[in-house]
Amino acid sequence: MEKGLKHISTTTVTTANTALTMGSGDMEVFATPAMVALMENAAMKAVAPHLPEGSTTVGAMMQTSHIKPSAPGETVTAEAVLQEVDGRKLTFRVTASDSEGTIGEGIHIRYIVDRERFLSRLKR
């Protein structure tokens, strides 16, 4: 796994991902949880093609700021860049932007896990 791997994920602000609908606020603007999910998606996809067979990554920490609202109809992009690899621990720099510029930024940590072993820990 090499530092510098990156991916950009994109979404459009719709009723489904506003703060009002998601319950994280009471206005029809892009929700912070939706921004975080888009950032995580970009990080996951940045490294997915480079993982051993049977492995995936899981999010463990997100430290982010959401500094500007985005209106319905706006296109939002999130970019994740792999900054550090420490064994199974992957640290990403994440940013989100719309047509007006940066709307959020932060650090995201993911861990490489074996899918079967990870799922076997669930109580059923």
PDB file of N, CA and C in Angstrom:
ATOM      1  N   MET A   1       0.854  -1.177   0.000  1.00  0.00           N
ATOM      2  CA  MET A   1       0.000   0.000   0.000  1.00  0.00           C
ATOM      3  C   MET A   1       0.899   1.239   0.000  1.00  0.00           C
ATOM      4  N   GLU A   2       0.685   2.113  -0.962  1.00  0.00           N
ATOM      5  CA  GLU A   2       1.549   3.292  -1.107  1.00  0.00           C
ATOM      6  C   GLU A   2       0.856   4.583  -0.690  1.00  0.00           C
ATOM      7  N   LYS A   3       1.610   5.447  -0.035  1.00  0.00           N
ATOM      8  CA  LYS A   3       1.096   6.781   0.260  1.00  0.00           C
ATOM      9  C   LYS A   3       0.774   7.474  -1.057  1.00  0.00           C
ATOM     10  N   GLY A   4      -0.204   8.374  -1.009  1.00  0.00           N
ATOM     11  CA  GLY A   4      -0.566   9.128  -2.198  1.00  0.00           C
ATOM     12  C   GLY A   4      -1.740   8.560  -2.974  1.00  0.00           C
ATOM     13  N   LEU A   5      -2.167   7.335  -2.654  1.00  0.00           N
ATOM     14  CA  LEU A   5      -3.351   6.799  -3.325  1.00  0.00           C
ATOM     15  C   LEU A   5      -4.520   7.731  -3.050  1.00  0.00           C
ATOM     16  N   LYS A   6      -5.355   7.975  -4.063  1.00  0.00           N
ATOM     17  CA  LYS A   6      -6.480   8.882  -3.834  1.00  0.00           C
ATOM     18  C   LYS A   6      -7.676   8.501  -4.676  1.00  0.00           C
ATOM     19  N   HIS A   7      -8.814   9.037  -4.261  1.00  0.00           N
ATOM     20  CA  HIS A   7     -10.062   8.813  -4.983  1.00  0.00           C
ATOM     21  C   HIS A   7     -10.969  10.010  -4.727  1.00  0.00           C
ATOM     22  N   ILE A   8     -11.822  10.313  -5.707  1.00  0.00           N
ATOM     23  CA  ILE A   8     -12.823  11.367  -5.562  1.00  0.00           C
ATOM     24  C   ILE A   8     -14.199  10.737  -5.721  1.00  0.00           C
ATOM     25  N   SER A   9     -15.071  10.962  -4.737  1.00  0.00           N
ATOM     26  CA  SER A   9     -16.460  10.507  -4.791  1.00  0.00           C
ATOM     27  C   SER A   9     -17.352  11.737  -4.916  1.00  0.00           C
ATOM     28  N   THR A  10     -18.451  11.578  -5.637  1.00  0.00           N
ATOM     29  CA  THR A  10     -19.334  12.706  -5.930  1.00  0.00           C
ATOM     30  C   THR A  10     -20.781  12.359  -5.617  1.00  0.00           C
ATOM     31  N   THR A  11     -21.534  13.363  -5.170  1.00  0.00           N
ATOM     32  CA  THR A  11     -22.970  13.217  -4.968  1.00  0.00           C
ATOM     33  C   THR A  11     -23.641  14.549  -5.269  1.00  0.00           C
ATOM     34  N   THR A  12     -24.941  14.506  -5.407  1.00  0.00           N
ATOM     35  CA  THR A  12     -25.741  15.710  -5.577  1.00  0.00           C
ATOM     36  C   THR A  12     -26.583  15.898  -4.333  1.00  0.00           C
ATOM     37  N   VAL A  13     -26.684  17.126  -3.858  1.00  0.00           N
ATOM     38  CA  VAL A  13     -27.517  17.405  -2.692  1.00  0.00           C
ATOM     39  C   VAL A  13     -28.983  17.260  -3.114  1.00  0.00           C
ATOM     40  N   THR A  14     -29.679  16.334  -2.449  1.00  0.00           N
ATOM     41  CA  THR A  14     -31.100  16.081  -2.699  1.00  0.00           C
ATOM     42  C   THR A  14     -31.827  16.111  -1.360  1.00  0.00           C
ATOM     43  N   THR A  15     -33.115  15.993  -1.418  1.00  0.00           N
ATOM     44  CA  THR A  15     -33.910  15.943  -0.189  1.00  0.00           C
ATOM     45  C   THR A  15     -33.427  14.822   0.732  1.00  0.00           C
ATOM     46  N   ALA A  16     -32.984  13.718   0.141  1.00  0.00           N
ATOM     47  CA  ALA A  16     -32.568  12.540   0.917  1.00  0.00           C
ATOM     48  C   ALA A  16     -31.339  12.783   1.778  1.00  0.00           C
ATOM     49  N   ASN A  17     -30.445  13.688   1.388  1.00  0.00           N
ATOM     50  CA  ASN A  17     -29.209  13.882   2.163  1.00  0.00           C
ATOM     51  C   ASN A  17     -29.112  15.270   2.793  1.00  0.00           C
ATOM     52  N   THR A  18     -30.258  15.876   3.052  1.00  0.00           N
ATOM     53  CA  THR A  18     -30.238  17.159   3.774  1.00  0.00           C
ATOM     54  C   THR A  18     -30.255  16.910   5.281  1.00  0.00           C
ATOM     55  N   ALA A  19     -29.850  17.927   6.016  1.00  0.00           N
ATOM     56  CA  ALA A  19     -29.849  17.845   7.475  1.00  0.00           C
ATOM     57  C   ALA A  19     -31.262  17.619   8.009  1.00  0.00           C
ATOM     58  N   LEU A  20     -32.245  18.242   7.381  1.00  0.00           N
ATOM     59  CA  LEU A  20     -33.639  18.082   7.815  1.00  0.00           C
ATOM     60  C   LEU A  20     -34.080  16.628   7.704  1.00  0.00           C
ATOM     61  N   THR A  21     -33.823  15.999   6.572  1.00  0.00           N
ATOM     62  CA  THR A  21     -34.235  14.612   6.364  1.00  0.00           C
ATOM     63  C   THR A  21     -33.436  13.644   7.226  1.00  0.00           C
ATOM     64  N   MET A  22     -32.132  13.879   7.337  1.00  0.00           N
ATOM     65  CA  MET A  22     -31.282  12.946   8.083  1.00  0.00           C
ATOM     66  C   MET A  22     -31.374  13.133   9.591  1.00  0.00           C
ATOM     67  N   GLY A  23     -32.002  14.201  10.032  1.00  0.00           N
ATOM     68  CA  GLY A  23     -32.191  14.412  11.464  1.00  0.00           C
ATOM     69  C   GLY A  23     -31.008  15.042  12.170  1.00  0.00           C
ATOM     70  N   SER A  24     -30.036  15.547  11.416  1.00  0.00           N
ATOM     71  CA  SER A  24     -28.862  16.154  12.057  1.00  0.00           C
ATOM     72  C   SER A  24     -29.008  17.669  12.188  1.00  0.00           C
ATOM     73  N   GLY A  25     -30.102  18.200  11.681  1.00  0.00           N
ATOM     74  CA  GLY A  25     -30.382  19.631  11.741  1.00  0.00           C
ATOM     75  C   GLY A  25     -31.791  19.862  11.255  1.00  0.00           C
ATOM     76  N   ASP A  26     -32.182  21.135  11.148  1.00  0.00           N
ATOM     77  CA  ASP A  26     -33.556  21.415  10.741  1.00  0.00           C
ATOM     78  C   ASP A  26     -33.640  22.298   9.495  1.00  0.00           C
ATOM     79  N   MET A  27     -32.573  22.261   8.665  1.00  0.00           N
ATOM     80  CA  MET A  27     -32.576  23.035   7.433  1.00  0.00           C
ATOM     81  C   MET A  27     -32.309  22.124   6.237  1.00  0.00           C
ATOM     82  N   GLU A  28     -32.770  22.567   5.075  1.00  0.00           N
ATOM     83  CA  GLU A  28     -32.581  21.802   3.849  1.00  0.00           C
ATOM     84  C   GLU A  28     -31.258  22.180   3.190  1.00  0.00           C
ATOM     85  N   VAL A  29     -30.172  21.743   3.823  1.00  0.00           N
ATOM     86  CA  VAL A  29     -28.803  21.900   3.319  1.00  0.00           C
ATOM     87  C   VAL A  29     -28.120  20.546   3.453  1.00  0.00           C
ATOM     88  N   PHE A  30     -27.003  20.364   2.745  1.00  0.00           N
ATOM     89  CA  PHE A  30     -26.255  19.102   2.794  1.00  0.00           C
ATOM     90  C   PHE A  30     -25.896  18.779   4.243  1.00  0.00           C
ATOM     91  N   ALA A  31     -26.263  17.590   4.678  1.00  0.00           N
ATOM     92  CA  ALA A  31     -26.058  17.170   6.069  1.00  0.00           C
ATOM     93  C   ALA A  31     -24.599  16.791   6.338  1.00  0.00           C
ATOM     94  N   THR A  32     -24.142  17.115   7.529  1.00  0.00           N
ATOM     95  CA  THR A  32     -22.792  16.729   7.934  1.00  0.00           C
ATOM     96  C   THR A  32     -22.609  15.209   7.866  1.00  0.00           C
ATOM     97  N   PRO A  33     -23.581  14.394   8.337  1.00  0.00           N
ATOM     98  CA  PRO A  33     -23.389  12.938   8.206  1.00  0.00           C
ATOM     99  C   PRO A  33     -23.252  12.488   6.748  1.00  0.00           C
ATOM    100  N   ALA A  34     -23.918  13.167   5.827  1.00  0.00           N
ATOM    101  CA  ALA A  34     -23.795  12.820   4.413  1.00  0.00           C
ATOM    102  C   ALA A  34     -22.406  13.187   3.894  1.00  0.00           C
ATOM    103  N   MET A  35     -21.877  14.311   4.355  1.00  0.00           N
ATOM    104  CA  MET A  35     -20.525  14.712   3.955  1.00  0.00           C
ATOM    105  C   MET A  35     -19.499  13.701   4.470  1.00  0.00           C
ATOM    106  N   VAL A  36     -19.650  13.303   5.730  1.00  0.00           N
ATOM    107  CA  VAL A  36     -18.732  12.330   6.325  1.00  0.00           C
ATOM    108  C   VAL A  36     -18.802  11.007   5.562  1.00  0.00           C
ATOM    109  N   ALA A  37     -20.002  10.550   5.219  1.00  0.00           N
ATOM    110  CA  ALA A  37     -20.153   9.298   4.474  1.00  0.00           C
ATOM    111  C   ALA A  37     -19.482   9.393   3.107  1.00  0.00           C
ATOM    112  N   LEU A  38     -19.600  10.542   2.454  1.00  0.00           N
ATOM    113  CA  LEU A  38     -18.964  10.717   1.149  1.00  0.00           C
ATOM    114  C   LEU A  38     -17.440  10.691   1.281  1.00  0.00           C
ATOM    115  N   MET A  39     -16.925  11.301   2.336  1.00  0.00           N
ATOM    116  CA  MET A  39     -15.481  11.278   2.595  1.00  0.00           C
ATOM    117  C   MET A  39     -15.010   9.842   2.849  1.00  0.00           C
ATOM    118  N   GLU A  40     -15.767   9.099   3.655  1.00  0.00           N
ATOM    119  CA  GLU A  40     -15.408   7.703   3.935  1.00  0.00           C
ATOM    120  C   GLU A  40     -15.441   6.868   2.660  1.00  0.00           C
ATOM    121  N   ASN A  41     -16.428   7.118   1.813  1.00  0.00           N
ATOM    122  CA  ASN A  41     -16.534   6.394   0.552  1.00  0.00           C
ATOM    123  C   ASN A  41     -15.303   6.623  -0.307  1.00  0.00           C
ATOM    124  N   ALA A  42     -14.854   7.865  -0.379  1.00  0.00           N
ATOM    125  CA  ALA A  42     -13.663   8.178  -1.170  1.00  0.00           C
ATOM    126  C   ALA A  42     -12.437   7.453  -0.619  1.00  0.00           C
ATOM    127  N   ALA A  43     -12.295   7.423   0.704  1.00  0.00           N
ATOM    128  CA  ALA A  43     -11.153   6.740   1.324  1.00  0.00           C
ATOM    129  C   ALA A  43     -11.209   5.242   1.062  1.00  0.00           C
ATOM    130  N   MET A  44     -12.381   4.657   1.239  1.00  0.00           N
ATOM    131  CA  MET A  44     -12.545   3.226   1.000  1.00  0.00           C
ATOM    132  C   MET A  44     -12.154   2.878  -0.436  1.00  0.00           C
ATOM    133  N   LYS A  45     -12.644   3.662  -1.397  1.00  0.00           N
ATOM    134  CA  LYS A  45     -12.384   3.378  -2.805  1.00  0.00           C
ATOM    135  C   LYS A  45     -10.936   3.668  -3.217  1.00  0.00           C
ATOM    136  N   ALA A  46     -10.263   4.558  -2.496  1.00  0.00           N
ATOM    137  CA  ALA A  46      -8.864   4.874  -2.824  1.00  0.00           C
ATOM    138  C   ALA A  46      -7.963   3.655  -2.684  1.00  0.00           C
ATOM    139  N   VAL A  47      -8.250   2.816  -1.710  1.00  0.00           N
ATOM    140  CA  VAL A  47      -7.358   1.680  -1.437  1.00  0.00           C
ATOM    141  C   VAL A  47      -7.935   0.326  -1.823  1.00  0.00           C
ATOM    142  N   ALA A  48      -9.226   0.262  -2.105  1.00  0.00           N
ATOM    143  CA  ALA A  48      -9.883  -1.030  -2.373  1.00  0.00           C
ATOM    144  C   ALA A  48      -9.162  -1.881  -3.419  1.00  0.00           C
ATOM    145  N   PRO A  49      -8.723  -1.311  -4.549  1.00  0.00           N
ATOM    146  CA  PRO A  49      -8.064  -2.161  -5.552  1.00  0.00           C
ATOM    147  C   PRO A  49      -6.703  -2.698  -5.115  1.00  0.00           C
ATOM    148  N   HIS A  50      -6.169  -2.200  -4.026  1.00  0.00           N
ATOM    149  CA  HIS A  50      -4.822  -2.567  -3.580  1.00  0.00           C
ATOM    150  C   HIS A  50      -4.820  -3.516  -2.376  1.00  0.00           C
ATOM    151  N   LEU A  51      -5.987  -3.961  -1.969  1.00  0.00           N
ATOM    152  CA  LEU A  51      -6.099  -4.824  -0.788  1.00  0.00           C
ATOM    153  C   LEU A  51      -5.930  -6.292  -1.156  1.00  0.00           C
ATOM    154  N   PRO A  52      -5.431  -7.079  -0.203  1.00  0.00           N
ATOM    155  CA  PRO A  52      -5.358  -8.523  -0.436  1.00  0.00           C
ATOM    156  C   PRO A  52      -6.763  -9.103  -0.611  1.00  0.00           C
ATOM    157  N   GLU A  53      -6.866 -10.192  -1.344  1.00  0.00           N
ATOM    158  CA  GLU A  53      -8.158 -10.847  -1.534  1.00  0.00           C
ATOM    159  C   GLU A  53      -8.758 -11.212  -0.180  1.00  0.00           C
ATOM    160  N   GLY A  54     -10.056 -10.968  -0.022  1.00  0.00           N
ATOM    161  CA  GLY A  54     -10.752 -11.278   1.227  1.00  0.00           C
ATOM    162  C   GLY A  54     -10.680 -10.166   2.248  1.00  0.00           C
ATOM    163  N   SER A  55      -9.986  -9.079   1.923  1.00  0.00           N
ATOM    164  CA  SER A  55      -9.852  -7.960   2.857  1.00  0.00           C
ATOM    165  C   SER A  55     -10.710  -6.778   2.429  1.00  0.00           C
ATOM    166  N   THR A  56     -10.989  -5.923   3.379  1.00  0.00           N
ATOM    167  CA  THR A  56     -11.662  -4.662   3.145  1.00  0.00           C
ATOM    168  C   THR A  56     -11.118  -3.675   4.173  1.00  0.00           C
ATOM    169  N   THR A  57     -11.655  -2.469   4.179  1.00  0.00           N
ATOM    170  CA  THR A  57     -11.282  -1.517   5.218  1.00  0.00           C
ATOM    171  C   THR A  57     -12.531  -1.094   5.963  1.00  0.00           C
ATOM    172  N   VAL A  58     -12.345  -0.744   7.227  1.00  0.00           N
ATOM    173  CA  VAL A  58     -13.443  -0.233   8.049  1.00  0.00           C
ATOM    174  C   VAL A  58     -13.019   1.090   8.661  1.00  0.00           C
ATOM    175  N   GLY A  59     -13.969   2.010   8.724  1.00  0.00           N
ATOM    176  CA  GLY A  59     -13.699   3.312   9.325  1.00  0.00           C
ATOM    177  C   GLY A  59     -13.584   3.199  10.826  1.00  0.00           C
ATOM    178  N   ALA A  60     -12.618   3.899  11.395  1.00  0.00           N
ATOM    179  CA  ALA A  60     -12.402   3.869  12.840  1.00  0.00           C
ATOM    180  C   ALA A  60     -12.470   5.252  13.473  1.00  0.00           C
ATOM    181  N   MET A  61     -12.122   6.288  12.709  1.00  0.00           N
ATOM    182  CA  MET A  61     -12.119   7.628  13.273  1.00  0.00           C
ATOM    183  C   MET A  61     -12.272   8.648  12.153  1.00  0.00           C
ATOM    184  N   MET A  62     -13.051   9.673  12.444  1.00  0.00           N
ATOM    185  CA  MET A  62     -13.187  10.803  11.526  1.00  0.00           C
ATOM    186  C   MET A  62     -13.106  12.071  12.365  1.00  0.00           C
ATOM    187  N   GLN A  63     -12.159  12.901  12.020  1.00  0.00           N
ATOM    188  CA  GLN A  63     -12.025  14.206  12.669  1.00  0.00           C
ATOM    189  C   GLN A  63     -12.213  15.218  11.547  1.00  0.00           C
ATOM    190  N   THR A  64     -13.340  15.914  11.561  1.00  0.00           N
ATOM    191  CA  THR A  64     -13.655  16.770  10.428  1.00  0.00           C
ATOM    192  C   THR A  64     -14.357  18.049  10.845  1.00  0.00           C
ATOM    193  N   SER A  65     -14.272  19.032   9.963  1.00  0.00           N
ATOM    194  CA  SER A  65     -15.048  20.259  10.130  1.00  0.00           C
ATOM    195  C   SER A  65     -15.947  20.395   8.910  1.00  0.00           C
ATOM    196  N   HIS A  66     -17.138  20.927   9.138  1.00  0.00           N
ATOM    197  CA  HIS A  66     -18.082  21.213   8.052  1.00  0.00           C
ATOM    198  C   HIS A  66     -18.277  22.722   8.107  1.00  0.00           C
ATOM    199  N   ILE A  67     -17.621  23.429   7.184  1.00  0.00           N
ATOM    200  CA  ILE A  67     -17.466  24.873   7.338  1.00  0.00           C
ATOM    201  C   ILE A  67     -18.379  25.728   6.466  1.00  0.00           C
ATOM    202  N   LYS A  68     -19.136  25.084   5.565  1.00  0.00           N
ATOM    203  CA  LYS A  68     -19.982  25.861   4.659  1.00  0.00           C
ATOM    204  C   LYS A  68     -21.171  25.023   4.200  1.00  0.00           C
ATOM    205  N   PRO A  69     -22.374  25.616   4.120  1.00  0.00           N
ATOM    206  CA  PRO A  69     -23.532  24.848   3.656  1.00  0.00           C
ATOM    207  C   PRO A  69     -23.542  24.687   2.136  1.00  0.00           C
ATOM    208  N   SER A  70     -24.212  23.625   1.692  1.00  0.00           N
ATOM    209  CA  SER A  70     -24.425  23.371   0.262  1.00  0.00           C
ATOM    210  C   SER A  70     -25.922  23.182   0.048  1.00  0.00           C
ATOM    211  N   ALA A  71     -26.452  23.848  -0.966  1.00  0.00           N
ATOM    212  CA  ALA A  71     -27.891  23.853  -1.232  1.00  0.00           C
ATOM    213  C   ALA A  71     -28.325  22.644  -2.063  1.00  0.00           C
ATOM    214  N   PRO A  72     -29.602  22.296  -1.992  1.00  0.00           N
ATOM    215  CA  PRO A  72     -30.128  21.248  -2.877  1.00  0.00           C
ATOM    216  C   PRO A  72     -29.810  21.574  -4.338  1.00  0.00           C
ATOM    217  N   GLY A  73     -29.438  20.530  -5.082  1.00  0.00           N
ATOM    218  CA  GLY A  73     -29.058  20.677  -6.473  1.00  0.00           C
ATOM    219  C   GLY A  73     -27.561  20.839  -6.676  1.00  0.00           C
ATOM    220  N   GLU A  74     -26.851  21.201  -5.627  1.00  0.00           N
ATOM    221  CA  GLU A  74     -25.393  21.400  -5.699  1.00  0.00           C
ATOM    222  C   GLU A  74     -24.700  20.043  -5.820  1.00  0.00           C
ATOM    223  N   THR A  75     -23.608  19.992  -6.563  1.00  0.00           N
ATOM    224  CA  THR A  75     -22.764  18.796  -6.644  1.00  0.00           C
ATOM    225  C   THR A  75     -21.662  18.927  -5.603  1.00  0.00           C
ATOM    226  N   VAL A  76     -21.495  17.880  -4.802  1.00  0.00           N
ATOM    227  CA  VAL A  76     -20.462  17.850  -3.772  1.00  0.00           C
ATOM    228  C   VAL A  76     -19.478  16.735  -4.108  1.00  0.00           C
ATOM    229  N   THR A  77     -18.184  17.043  -4.038  1.00  0.00           N
ATOM    230  CA  THR A  77     -17.149  16.044  -4.250  1.00  0.00           C
ATOM    231  C   THR A  77     -16.324  15.910  -2.977  1.00  0.00           C
ATOM    232  N   ALA A  78     -15.915  14.692  -2.701  1.00  0.00           N
ATOM    233  CA  ALA A  78     -15.022  14.420  -1.577  1.00  0.00           C
ATOM    234  C   ALA A  78     -13.778  13.739  -2.118  1.00  0.00           C
ATOM    235  N   GLU A  79     -12.627  14.221  -1.691  1.00  0.00           N
ATOM    236  CA  GLU A  79     -11.361  13.610  -2.093  1.00  0.00           C
ATOM    237  C   GLU A  79     -10.667  13.062  -0.850  1.00  0.00           C
ATOM    238  N   ALA A  80     -10.178  11.840  -0.973  1.00  0.00           N
ATOM    239  CA  ALA A  80      -9.388  11.215   0.084  1.00  0.00           C
ATOM    240  C   ALA A  80      -8.014  10.895  -0.474  1.00  0.00           C
ATOM    241  N   VAL A  81      -6.979  11.257   0.269  1.00  0.00           N
ATOM    242  CA  VAL A  81      -5.600  10.975  -0.118  1.00  0.00           C
ATOM    243  C   VAL A  81      -4.944  10.217   1.032  1.00  0.00           C
ATOM    244  N   LEU A  82      -4.385   9.053   0.733  1.00  0.00           N
ATOM    245  CA  LEU A  82      -3.706   8.246   1.742  1.00  0.00           C
ATOM    246  C   LEU A  82      -2.414   8.945   2.159  1.00  0.00           C
ATOM    247  N   GLN A  83      -2.332   9.310   3.436  1.00  0.00           N
ATOM    248  CA  GLN A  83      -1.192  10.063   3.968  1.00  0.00           C
ATOM    249  C   GLN A  83      -0.170   9.192   4.693  1.00  0.00           C
ATOM    250  N   GLU A  84      -0.673   8.117   5.341  1.00  0.00           N
ATOM    251  CA  GLU A  84       0.232   7.302   6.161  1.00  0.00           C
ATOM    252  C   GLU A  84      -0.271   5.871   6.222  1.00  0.00           C
ATOM    253  N   VAL A  85       0.672   4.939   6.184  1.00  0.00           N
ATOM    254  CA  VAL A  85       0.369   3.520   6.329  1.00  0.00           C
ATOM    255  C   VAL A  85       1.190   3.005   7.503  1.00  0.00           C
ATOM    256  N   ASP A  86       0.498   2.459   8.510  1.00  0.00           N
ATOM    257  CA  ASP A  86       1.162   1.919   9.698  1.00  0.00           C
ATOM    258  C   ASP A  86       0.566   0.540   9.961  1.00  0.00           C
ATOM    259  N   GLY A  87       1.138  -0.467   9.310  1.00  0.00           N
ATOM    260  CA  GLY A  87       0.572  -1.815   9.405  1.00  0.00           C
ATOM    261  C   GLY A  87      -0.802  -1.833   8.762  1.00  0.00           C
ATOM    262  N   ARG A  88      -1.820  -2.198   9.560  1.00  0.00           N
ATOM    263  CA  ARG A  88      -3.201  -2.240   9.064  1.00  0.00           C
ATOM    264  C   ARG A  88      -3.880  -0.875   9.130  1.00  0.00           C
ATOM    265  N   LYS A  89      -3.271   0.088   9.806  1.00  0.00           N
ATOM    266  CA  LYS A  89      -3.862   1.421  10.006  1.00  0.00           C
ATOM    267  C   LYS A  89      -3.538   2.337   8.827  1.00  0.00           C
ATOM    268  N   LEU A  90      -4.592   2.912   8.238  1.00  0.00           N
ATOM    269  CA  LEU A  90      -4.454   3.818   7.098  1.00  0.00           C
ATOM    270  C   LEU A  90      -4.988   5.193   7.495  1.00  0.00           C
ATOM    271  N   THR A  91      -4.198   6.228   7.292  1.00  0.00           N
ATOM    272  CA  THR A  91      -4.616   7.586   7.632  1.00  0.00           C
ATOM    273  C   THR A  91      -4.769   8.401   6.350  1.00  0.00           C
ATOM    274  N   PHE A  92      -5.926   9.031   6.203  1.00  0.00           N
ATOM    275  CA  PHE A  92      -6.263   9.806   5.014  1.00  0.00           C
ATOM    276  C   PHE A  92      -6.482  11.269   5.353  1.00  0.00           C
ATOM    277  N   ARG A  93      -6.132  12.126   4.423  1.00  0.00           N
ATOM    278  CA  ARG A  93      -6.535  13.539   4.445  1.00  0.00           C
ATOM    279  C   ARG A  93      -7.777  13.599   3.567  1.00  0.00           C
ATOM    280  N   VAL A  94      -8.874  14.131   4.105  1.00  0.00           N
ATOM    281  CA  VAL A  94     -10.124  14.190   3.359  1.00  0.00           C
ATOM    282  C   VAL A  94     -10.587  15.636   3.226  1.00  0.00           C
ATOM    283  N   THR A  95     -11.131  15.952   2.057  1.00  0.00           N
ATOM    284  CA  THR A  95     -11.712  17.270   1.814  1.00  0.00           C
ATOM    285  C   THR A  95     -13.009  17.093   1.045  1.00  0.00           C
ATOM    286  N   ALA A  96     -13.912  18.038   1.233  1.00  0.00           N
ATOM    287  CA  ALA A  96     -15.159  18.057   0.474  1.00  0.00           C
ATOM    288  C   ALA A  96     -15.341  19.455  -0.086  1.00  0.00           C
ATOM    289  N   SER A  97     -15.890  19.530  -1.294  1.00  0.00           N
ATOM    290  CA  SER A  97     -16.089  20.844  -1.901  1.00  0.00           C
ATOM    291  C   SER A  97     -17.334  20.838  -2.779  1.00  0.00           C
ATOM    292  N   ASP A  98     -17.831  22.050  -3.042  1.00  0.00           N
ATOM    293  CA  ASP A  98     -18.912  22.233  -4.000  1.00  0.00           C
ATOM    294  C   ASP A  98     -18.471  23.320  -4.976  1.00  0.00           C
ATOM    295  N   SER A  99     -19.376  23.869  -5.750  1.00  0.00           N
ATOM    296  CA  SER A  99     -18.990  24.843  -6.774  1.00  0.00           C
ATOM    297  C   SER A  99     -18.434  26.139  -6.185  1.00  0.00           C
ATOM    298  N   GLU A 100     -18.654  26.367  -4.906  1.00  0.00           N
ATOM    299  CA  GLU A 100     -18.159  27.574  -4.243  1.00  0.00           C
ATOM    300  C   GLU A 100     -16.810  27.371  -3.558  1.00  0.00           C
ATOM    301  N   GLY A 101     -16.325  26.126  -3.504  1.00  0.00           N
ATOM    302  CA  GLY A 101     -15.046  25.842  -2.855  1.00  0.00           C
ATOM    303  C   GLY A 101     -15.172  24.808  -1.753  1.00  0.00           C
ATOM    304  N   THR A 102     -14.209  24.815  -0.850  1.00  0.00           N
ATOM    305  CA  THR A 102     -14.143  23.828   0.234  1.00  0.00           C
ATOM    306  C   THR A 102     -15.317  23.989   1.194  1.00  0.00           C
ATOM    307  N   ILE A 103     -15.960  22.866   1.501  1.00  0.00           N
ATOM    308  CA  ILE A 103     -17.049  22.882   2.489  1.00  0.00           C
ATOM    309  C   ILE A 103     -16.688  22.100   3.748  1.00  0.00           C
ATOM    310  N   GLY A 104     -15.649  21.258   3.669  1.00  0.00           N
ATOM    311  CA  GLY A 104     -15.247  20.463   4.830  1.00  0.00           C
ATOM    312  C   GLY A 104     -13.885  19.841   4.606  1.00  0.00           C
ATOM    313  N   GLU A 105     -13.225  19.510   5.721  1.00  0.00           N
ATOM    314  CA  GLU A 105     -11.901  18.893   5.636  1.00  0.00           C
ATOM    315  C   GLU A 105     -11.616  18.153   6.926  1.00  0.00           C
ATOM    316  N   GLY A 106     -10.675  17.235   6.862  1.00  0.00           N
ATOM    317  CA  GLY A 106     -10.338  16.506   8.068  1.00  0.00           C
ATOM    318  C   GLY A 106      -9.375  15.361   7.844  1.00  0.00           C
ATOM    319  N   ILE A 107      -9.300  14.515   8.873  1.00  0.00           N
ATOM    320  CA  ILE A 107      -8.454  13.326   8.890  1.00  0.00           C
ATOM    321  C   ILE A 107      -9.360  12.128   9.148  1.00  0.00           C
ATOM    322  N   HIS A 108      -9.129  11.055   8.399  1.00  0.00           N
ATOM    323  CA  HIS A 108      -9.929   9.842   8.536  1.00  0.00           C
ATOM    324  C   HIS A 108      -8.993   8.648   8.680  1.00  0.00           C
ATOM    325  N   ILE A 109      -9.282   7.782   9.646  1.00  0.00           N
ATOM    326  CA  ILE A 109      -8.499   6.564   9.859  1.00  0.00           C
ATOM    327  C   ILE A 109      -9.364   5.353   9.531  1.00  0.00           C
ATOM    328  N   ARG A 110      -8.784   4.458   8.749  1.00  0.00           N
ATOM    329  CA  ARG A 110      -9.419   3.186   8.424  1.00  0.00           C
ATOM    330  C   ARG A 110      -8.441   2.067   8.757  1.00  0.00           C
ATOM    331  N   TYR A 111      -8.969   0.867   9.007  1.00  0.00           N
ATOM    332  CA  TYR A 111      -8.129  -0.303   9.254  1.00  0.00           C
ATOM    333  C   TYR A 111      -8.434  -1.373   8.221  1.00  0.00           C
ATOM    334  N   ILE A 112      -7.399  -2.051   7.781  1.00  0.00           N
ATOM    335  CA  ILE A 112      -7.554  -3.196   6.894  1.00  0.00           C
ATOM    336  C   ILE A 112      -7.972  -4.390   7.750  1.00  0.00           C
ATOM    337  N   VAL A 113      -9.045  -5.055   7.351  1.00  0.00           N
ATOM    338  CA  VAL A 113      -9.526  -6.226   8.085  1.00  0.00           C
ATOM    339  C   VAL A 113      -9.841  -7.350   7.110  1.00  0.00           C
ATOM    340  N   ASP A 114      -9.795  -8.562   7.613  1.00  0.00           N
ATOM    341  CA  ASP A 114     -10.263  -9.724   6.880  1.00  0.00           C
ATOM    342  C   ASP A 114     -11.789  -9.753   7.016  1.00  0.00           C
ATOM    343  N   ARG A 115     -12.493  -9.777   5.895  1.00  0.00           N
ATOM    344  CA  ARG A 115     -13.959  -9.708   5.916  1.00  0.00           C
ATOM    345  C   ARG A 115     -14.591 -10.799   6.781  1.00  0.00           C
ATOM    346  N   GLU A 116     -14.220 -12.052   6.546  1.00  0.00           N
ATOM    347  CA  GLU A 116     -14.834 -13.163   7.275  1.00  0.00           C
ATOM    348  C   GLU A 116     -14.564 -13.083   8.770  1.00  0.00           C
ATOM    349  N   ARG A 117     -13.337 -12.804   9.133  1.00  0.00           N
ATOM    350  CA  ARG A 117     -12.987 -12.718  10.554  1.00  0.00           C
ATOM    351  C   ARG A 117     -13.751 -11.571  11.219  1.00  0.00           C
ATOM    352  N   PHE A 118     -13.821 -10.427  10.538  1.00  0.00           N
ATOM    353  CA  PHE A 118     -14.528  -9.263  11.072  1.00  0.00           C
ATOM    354  C   PHE A 118     -16.010  -9.595  11.298  1.00  0.00           C
ATOM    355  N   LEU A 119     -16.645 -10.181  10.297  1.00  0.00           N
ATOM    356  CA  LEU A 119     -18.071 -10.500  10.412  1.00  0.00           C
ATOM    357  C   LEU A 119     -18.347 -11.613  11.411  1.00  0.00           C
ATOM    358  N   SER A 120     -17.381 -12.484  11.631  1.00  0.00           N
ATOM    359  CA  SER A 120     -17.580 -13.583  12.591  1.00  0.00           C
ATOM    360  C   SER A 120     -17.693 -13.070  14.034  1.00  0.00           C
ATOM    361  N   ARG A 121     -17.274 -11.831  14.257  1.00  0.00           N
ATOM    362  CA  ARG A 121     -17.332 -11.256  15.601  1.00  0.00           C
ATOM    363  C   ARG A 121     -18.713 -10.708  15.940  1.00  0.00           C
ATOM    364  N   LEU A 122     -19.610 -10.679  14.948  1.00  0.00           N
ATOM    365  CA  LEU A 122     -20.966 -10.195  15.204  1.00  0.00           C
ATOM    366  C   LEU A 122     -21.750 -11.252  15.978  1.00  0.00           C
ATOM    367  N   LYS A 123     -22.551 -10.805  16.927  1.00  0.00           N
ATOM    368  CA  LYS A 123     -23.423 -11.734  17.638  1.00  0.00           C
ATOM    369  C   LYS A 123     -24.701 -11.855  16.834  1.00  0.00           C
ATOM    370  N   ARG A 124     -25.117 -13.061  16.640  1.00  0.00           N
ATOM    371  CA  ARG A 124     -26.325 -13.294  15.833  1.00  0.00           C
ATOM    372  C   ARG A 124     -27.394 -13.972  16.651  1.00  0.00           C
TER     373      ARG A 124
END
